[in-house]
Every structure is written in C-alpha cells, then in structure tokens.
C-alpha atoms as a PDB file:
ATOM      1  CA  VAL A   1      -0.106  -0.038  -0.131  1.00  0.00           C
ATOM      2  CA  VAL A   2       2.904   2.283   0.605  1.00  0.00           C
ATOM      3  CA  LEU A   3       4.676   1.542  -2.685  1.00  0.00           C
ATOM      4  CA  ILE A   4       1.449   2.889  -3.975  1.00  0.00           C
ATOM      5  CA  ARG A   5       0.964   5.759  -2.324  1.00  0.00           C
ATOM      6  CA  ILE A   6       4.658   6.552  -3.480  1.00  0.00           C
ATOM      7  CA  CYS A   7       4.784   5.739  -7.007  1.00  0.00           C
ATOM      8  CA  GLU A   8       3.123   7.010  -9.765  1.00  0.00           C
ATOM      9  CA  ALA A   9       0.109   4.822 -11.602  1.00  0.00           C
ATOM     10  CA  ASP A  10       2.313   5.240 -14.499  1.00  0.00           C
ATOM     11  CA  ALA A  11       5.225   3.428 -13.361  1.00  0.00           C
ATOM     12  CA  ILE A  12       3.437   0.891 -11.264  1.00  0.00           C
ATOM     13  CA  ASP A  13       1.977   0.153 -14.484  1.00  0.00           C
ATOM     14  CA  ALA A  14       5.180   0.085 -16.170  1.00  0.00           C
ATOM     15  CA  ALA A  15       6.992  -2.180 -13.666  1.00  0.00           C
ATOM     16  CA  TYR A  16       4.207  -4.686 -14.426  1.00  0.00           C
ATOM     17  CA  ASN A  17       4.133  -4.168 -17.907  1.00  0.00           C
ATOM     18  CA  ASN A  18       8.048  -5.041 -18.289  1.00  0.00           C
ATOM     19  CA  CYS A  19       7.907  -8.009 -16.259  1.00  0.00           C
ATOM     20  CA  PRO A  20       8.265 -11.373 -18.184  1.00  0.00           C
ATOM     21  CA  GLU A  21       5.376 -13.240 -18.829  1.00  0.00           C
ATOM     22  CA  GLY A  22       6.324 -15.719 -15.944  1.00  0.00           C
ATOM     23  CA  ARG A  23       6.697 -13.405 -13.434  1.00  0.00           C
ATOM     24  CA  LYS A  24       3.446 -11.821 -13.910  1.00  0.00           C
ATOM     25  CA  LEU A  25       1.654 -14.978 -13.109  1.00  0.00           C
ATOM     26  CA  LEU A  26       3.313 -14.927  -9.840  1.00  0.00           C
ATOM     27  CA  ILE A  27       1.816 -10.783  -9.599  1.00  0.00           C
ATOM     28  CA  GLU A  28      -1.761  -9.529  -8.924  1.00  0.00           C
ATOM     29  CA  PRO A  29      -1.865  -6.475 -10.617  1.00  0.00           C
ATOM     30  CA  VAL A  30      -2.930  -3.337  -9.600  1.00  0.00           C
ATOM     31  CA  LYS A  31      -5.217  -2.892 -12.047  1.00  0.00           C
ATOM     32  CA  PRO A  32      -5.947  -4.396 -15.184  1.00  0.00           C
ATOM     33  CA  SER A  33      -3.305  -3.758 -18.343  1.00  0.00           C
ATOM     34  CA  ASP A  34      -4.590  -1.813 -21.144  1.00  0.00           C
ATOM     35  CA  ASP A  35      -4.842  -5.011 -23.476  1.00  0.00           C
ATOM     36  CA  GLU A  36      -7.368  -6.487 -20.935  1.00  0.00           C
ATOM     37  CA  PHE A  37      -8.938  -3.095 -20.268  1.00  0.00           C
ATOM     38  CA  ARG A  38      -9.196  -2.730 -23.875  1.00  0.00           C
ATOM     39  CA  GLU A  39     -10.619  -6.231 -24.146  1.00  0.00           C
ATOM     40  CA  GLU A  40     -13.312  -5.910 -21.455  1.00  0.00           C
ATOM     41  CA  TRP A  41     -14.006  -2.530 -23.191  1.00  0.00           C
ATOM     42  CA  ASN A  42     -14.863  -4.112 -26.524  1.00  0.00           C
ATOM     43  CA  LYS A  43     -17.114  -6.879 -25.298  1.00  0.00           C
ATOM     44  CA  THR A  44     -19.946  -4.400 -25.969  1.00  0.00           C
ATOM     45  CA  GLU A  45     -22.707  -5.832 -28.591  1.00  0.00           C
ATOM     46  CA  SER A  46     -22.654  -4.593 -32.156  1.00  0.00           C
ATOM     47  CA  CYS A  47     -24.204  -1.446 -31.985  1.00  0.00           C
ATOM     48  CA  THR A  48     -25.327   0.009 -35.020  1.00  0.00           C
ATOM     49  CA  LEU A  49     -28.961   1.353 -35.251  1.00  0.00           C
ATOM     50  CA  GLY A  50     -29.589  -0.606 -38.769  1.00  0.00           C
ATOM     51  CA  PHE A  51     -30.134   1.257 -42.238  1.00  0.00           C
ATOM     52  CA  ASN A  52     -33.326   1.405 -44.170  1.00  0.00           C
ATOM     53  CA  GLU A  53     -33.622  -0.272 -47.774  1.00  0.00           C
ATOM     54  CA  ASN A  54     -32.460   2.901 -49.901  1.00  0.00           C
ATOM     55  CA  ASP A  55     -29.987   4.468 -47.490  1.00  0.00           C
ATOM     56  CA  PRO A  56     -26.434   5.101 -49.501  1.00  0.00           C
ATOM     57  CA  GLU A  57     -23.811   2.275 -48.909  1.00  0.00           C
ATOM     58  CA  PHE A  58     -20.871   3.403 -47.047  1.00  0.00           C
ATOM     59  CA  PHE A  59     -18.345   1.011 -45.620  1.00  0.00           C
ATOM     60  CA  THR A  60     -15.083   1.471 -43.244  1.00  0.00           C
ATOM     61  CA  LYS A  61     -11.927  -0.419 -43.801  1.00  0.00           C
ATOM     62  CA  ARG A  62     -12.837  -2.100 -40.841  1.00  0.00           C
ATOM     63  CA  GLY A  63     -16.080  -3.180 -43.030  1.00  0.00           C
ATOM     64  CA  GLU A  64     -18.610  -1.663 -40.950  1.00  0.00           C
ATOM     65  CA  ARG A  65     -21.390   0.077 -42.636  1.00  0.00           C
ATOM     66  CA  VAL A  66     -21.776   4.031 -41.800  1.00  0.00           C
ATOM     67  CA  ARG A  67     -24.089   6.738 -42.574  1.00  0.00           C
ATOM     68  CA  SER A  68     -21.272   9.206 -44.477  1.00  0.00           C
ATOM     69  CA  LYS A  69     -18.357   9.717 -46.247  1.00  0.00           C
ATOM     70  CA  SER A  70     -17.022  11.804 -43.250  1.00  0.00           C
ATOM     71  CA  GLU A  71     -18.027   8.750 -40.609  1.00  0.00           C
ATOM     72  CA  ILE A  72     -15.588   6.957 -43.182  1.00  0.00           C
ATOM     73  CA  LEU A  73     -12.792   9.405 -42.832  1.00  0.00           C
ATOM     74  CA  ILE A  74     -13.332   9.385 -38.579  1.00  0.00           C
ATOM     75  CA  ALA A  75     -13.569   5.699 -38.803  1.00  0.00           C
ATOM     76  CA  ASP A  76     -10.761   5.140 -40.730  1.00  0.00           C
ATOM     77  CA  THR A  77      -8.604   7.371 -39.015  1.00  0.00           C
ATOM     78  CA  LEU A  78      -9.416   5.869 -35.606  1.00  0.00           C
ATOM     79  CA  TYR A  79      -8.704   2.773 -37.069  1.00  0.00           C
ATOM     80  CA  GLY A  80      -5.229   3.745 -38.566  1.00  0.00           C
ATOM     81  CA  TYR A  81      -4.185   4.981 -35.061  1.00  0.00           C
ATOM     82  CA  GLY A  82      -5.251   1.410 -33.721  1.00  0.00           C
ATOM     83  CA  VAL A  83      -7.919   3.543 -31.286  1.00  0.00           C
ATOM     84  CA  ASP A  84     -10.496   1.531 -30.549  1.00  0.00           C
ATOM     85  CA  TYR A  85     -14.274   2.563 -30.945  1.00  0.00           C
ATOM     86  CA  LEU A  86     -17.908   1.609 -31.051  1.00  0.00           C
ATOM     87  CA  TYR A  87     -20.450   2.469 -33.931  1.00  0.00           C
ATOM     88  CA  GLU A  88     -23.725   3.833 -32.739  1.00  0.00           C
ATOM     89  CA  CYS A  89     -23.977   2.451 -29.396  1.00  0.00           C
ATOM     90  CA  LYS A  90     -27.447   3.167 -27.295  1.00  0.00           C
ATOM     91  CA  ILE A  91     -26.731   5.165 -24.136  1.00  0.00           C
ATOM     92  CA  LEU A  92     -29.623   6.997 -22.053  1.00  0.00           C
ATOM     93  CA  LEU A  93     -29.391  10.580 -21.255  1.00  0.00           C
ATOM     94  CA  PRO A  94     -32.232  11.498 -18.814  1.00  0.00           C
ATOM     95  CA  GLY A  95     -34.890  13.712 -19.818  1.00  0.00           C
ATOM     96  CA  TYR A  96     -33.756  12.546 -23.645  1.00  0.00           C
ATOM     97  CA  GLY A  97     -33.938   9.217 -23.885  1.00  0.00           C
ATOM     98  CA  THR A  98     -31.956   6.849 -25.924  1.00  0.00           C
ATOM     99  CA  ALA A  99     -29.214   8.290 -27.803  1.00  0.00           C
ATOM    100  CA  ASN A 100     -26.825   7.025 -30.452  1.00  0.00           C
ATOM    101  CA  PRO A 101     -23.740   9.069 -30.985  1.00  0.00           C
ATOM    102  CA  ASP A 102     -21.889   8.163 -33.567  1.00  0.00           C
ATOM    103  CA  PHE A 103     -18.811   6.936 -32.315  1.00  0.00           C
ATOM    104  CA  LEU A 104     -18.068   5.799 -28.598  1.00  0.00           C
ATOM    105  CA  VAL A 105     -14.145   5.998 -28.414  1.00  0.00           C
ATOM    106  CA  LEU A 106     -12.064   4.375 -25.866  1.00  0.00           C
ATOM    107  CA  ASP A 107      -9.104   6.905 -24.387  1.00  0.00           C
ATOM    108  CA  ILE A 108      -7.155   4.349 -23.058  1.00  0.00           C
ATOM    109  CA  LYS A 109      -4.600   7.173 -21.257  1.00  0.00           C
ATOM    110  CA  ASN A 110      -7.558   7.705 -19.145  1.00  0.00           C
ATOM    111  CA  ARG A 111      -9.582   4.532 -19.091  1.00  0.00           C
ATOM    112  CA  ARG A 112     -12.783   6.413 -20.095  1.00  0.00           C
ATOM    113  CA  THR A 113     -14.970   6.485 -23.164  1.00  0.00           C
ATOM    114  CA  ILE A 114     -15.496   9.472 -24.689  1.00  0.00           C
ATOM    115  CA  VAL A 115     -18.780  10.473 -27.215  1.00  0.00           C
ATOM    116  CA  TRP A 116     -17.889  11.726 -30.373  1.00  0.00           C
ATOM    117  CA  GLU A 117     -20.463  12.925 -32.733  1.00  0.00           C
ATOM    118  CA  HIS A 118     -20.271  14.492 -36.426  1.00  0.00           C
ATOM    119  CA  LEU A 119     -22.775  16.468 -37.045  1.00  0.00           C
ATOM    120  CA  GLY A 120     -22.859  16.303 -41.013  1.00  0.00           C
ATOM    121  CA  LYS A 121     -25.753  18.652 -41.932  1.00  0.00           C
ATOM    122  CA  MET A 122     -25.504  21.596 -40.318  1.00  0.00           C
ATOM    123  CA  GLY A 123     -26.928  23.345 -43.380  1.00  0.00           C
ATOM    124  CA  ASP A 124     -30.549  22.018 -42.318  1.00  0.00           C
ATOM    125  CA  PRO A 125     -32.329  23.776 -39.713  1.00  0.00           C
ATOM    126  CA  ALA A 126     -34.254  20.831 -38.644  1.00  0.00           C
ATOM    127  CA  TYR A 127     -31.301  18.579 -38.080  1.00  0.00           C
ATOM    128  CA  VAL A 128     -29.646  21.665 -36.248  1.00  0.00           C
ATOM    129  CA  GLU A 129     -32.261  22.015 -33.715  1.00  0.00           C
ATOM    130  CA  ARG A 130     -32.585  18.236 -33.223  1.00  0.00           C
ATOM    131  CA  ASN A 131     -28.963  17.371 -32.547  1.00  0.00           C
ATOM    132  CA  LEU A 132     -28.956  21.175 -30.276  1.00  0.00           C
ATOM    133  CA  ARG A 133     -31.463  19.099 -27.785  1.00  0.00           C
ATOM    134  CA  LYS A 134     -29.019  16.199 -28.078  1.00  0.00           C
ATOM    135  CA  ILE A 135     -25.907  18.189 -26.951  1.00  0.00           C
ATOM    136  CA  ASN A 136     -27.919  20.071 -24.237  1.00  0.00           C
ATOM    137  CA  ALA A 137     -29.020  16.236 -23.002  1.00  0.00           C
ATOM    138  CA  TYR A 138     -25.300  15.626 -23.327  1.00  0.00           C
ATOM    139  CA  LEU A 139     -24.236  18.472 -21.157  1.00  0.00           C
ATOM    140  CA  LYS A 140     -26.797  17.944 -18.258  1.00  0.00           C
ATOM    141  CA  ALA A 141     -26.124  14.414 -18.398  1.00  0.00           C
ATOM    142  CA  GLY A 142     -22.500  15.546 -17.172  1.00  0.00           C
ATOM    143  CA  TYR A 143     -20.931  15.552 -20.169  1.00  0.00           C
ATOM    144  CA  VAL A 144     -17.782  17.796 -21.367  1.00  0.00           C
ATOM    145  CA  ILE A 145     -17.361  19.301 -24.579  1.00  0.00           C
ATOM    146  CA  GLY A 146     -13.447  18.792 -24.990  1.00  0.00           C
ATOM    147  CA  GLU A 147     -13.265  16.163 -22.184  1.00  0.00           C
ATOM    148  CA  THR A 148     -16.150  13.186 -22.370  1.00  0.00           C
ATOM    149  CA  LEU A 149     -17.827  14.933 -26.093  1.00  0.00           C
ATOM    150  CA  ILE A 150     -16.066  15.779 -28.691  1.00  0.00           C
ATOM    151  CA  LEU A 151     -18.028  17.860 -31.584  1.00  0.00           C
ATOM    152  CA  THR A 152     -17.438  17.958 -35.173  1.00  0.00           C
ATOM    153  CA  PHE A 153     -19.748  19.537 -38.242  1.00  0.00           C
ATOM    154  CA  GLU A 154     -19.704  20.721 -41.425  1.00  0.00           C
ATOM    155  CA  SER A 155     -22.096  21.205 -44.350  1.00  0.00           C
ATOM    156  CA  ALA A 156     -22.584  20.908 -47.793  1.00  0.00           C
ATOM    157  CA  SER A 157     -20.565  24.159 -48.656  1.00  0.00           C
ATOM    158  CA  GLN A 158     -18.180  23.492 -45.656  1.00  0.00           C
ATOM    159  CA  PRO A 159     -17.129  20.057 -45.116  1.00  0.00           C
ATOM    160  CA  ILE A 160     -14.869  18.655 -42.353  1.00  0.00           C
ATOM    161  CA  SER A 161     -11.300  18.302 -43.260  1.00  0.00           C
ATOM    162  CA  THR A 162      -8.829  15.388 -43.365  1.00  0.00           C
ATOM    163  CA  SER A 163      -6.339  17.523 -41.283  1.00  0.00           C
ATOM    164  CA  VAL A 164      -9.103  18.300 -38.505  1.00  0.00           C
ATOM    165  CA  ILE A 165     -10.003  14.794 -38.198  1.00  0.00           C
ATOM    166  CA  GLU A 166      -6.747  13.811 -37.878  1.00  0.00           C
ATOM    167  CA  GLU A 167      -5.313  16.288 -35.179  1.00  0.00           C
ATOM    168  CA  THR A 168      -8.728  15.607 -33.444  1.00  0.00           C
ATOM    169  CA  VAL A 169      -7.777  11.739 -33.354  1.00  0.00           C
ATOM    170  CA  LYS A 170      -4.222  12.503 -32.143  1.00  0.00           C
ATOM    171  CA  HIS A 171      -5.220  15.236 -29.519  1.00  0.00           C
ATOM    172  CA  TYR A 172      -7.198  12.798 -27.688  1.00  0.00           C
ATOM    173  CA  PHE A 173      -6.165   9.493 -28.098  1.00  0.00           C
ATOM    174  CA  LEU A 174      -2.715   9.418 -28.802  1.00  0.00           C
END
C-alpha cells in the first residue's frame, strides 16, 4: 500500500508490463493491463441502429457500414491509429431518452469512453434543432465538451477537413 502511494500509477503499470510473462503470473496487478481493459471494453455488442433499404452504402476499412463519407474518414482514422471505437451504440440520456452517438471511443490513457458526435448536416435547420437538443442532453448528463464529448461539424458548403479529423484523433487518443 505504501508503495502505491509513493509511485505514480504509470510507474506501477510500467513495472508490471515490463515483467517477463512467467513473473506476471506471480503478481496480482493493481489494475487490469491496457490490453485487458481494451478487451473488456470491446465486449460491447454490435451497436449500429440499422439502415433503411434505400440508405446509401458507405463502408469503413474495418468493413462496417456507416451513414456518411465523413464517418468513413473518422472511423478509418481511428482504426488507422489503432484506437478502439464502437459505432452508434445506445446510451441513455436522462430527460432525453436513448441517443446513438456516432462513435464511442476508448481513451485508453484515461480509462474512459469519449462520445464523438459528427454533425454533418449543419445547413439543415431541422437537423440543427434536433442535435442542439441532444447536445444539451449530453451536457445535462455530465458530458463535458472537449473532455468526454467531441463535436465536429460540417455543411454541404463547408465539409470537414481530413486534417481536422486527424488532429482530433491525435489530440484526444494518442
């Protein structure tokens, strides 16, 4: 216990992770390793809402179907950097109901899930109104923009830049 108070958590994790596999069997880690945590996090069932018959077909490098070309860019960038994510999982927001954020992304460094909503139809007033209501529900539920909630935006005349997506992934997850 004293050792835990003196050492930083990262030092304890590094000491355990650098042990030979045989020695790890003799040690009970303070917390699950990143690989164990990632494995448990990824046990979430498939999350997608499903698609209508006439919806366009967009597929990521991982082979999953998404709703837009911009979501392909986000998913493929996360995948390319080895960042775990889930697409359109259900979460309950009090006072709002069920939301299906575009991405739930594992922030392995901080052992938390970050919601990433990409708002791709900002030129559509009804879409903006619906999403403002949802964003306010996230905020009321305790999500914090820039910490546990990432928001990206685009419209038909102002598409999101691939560099913005890449910098966002690097900033939050690498």
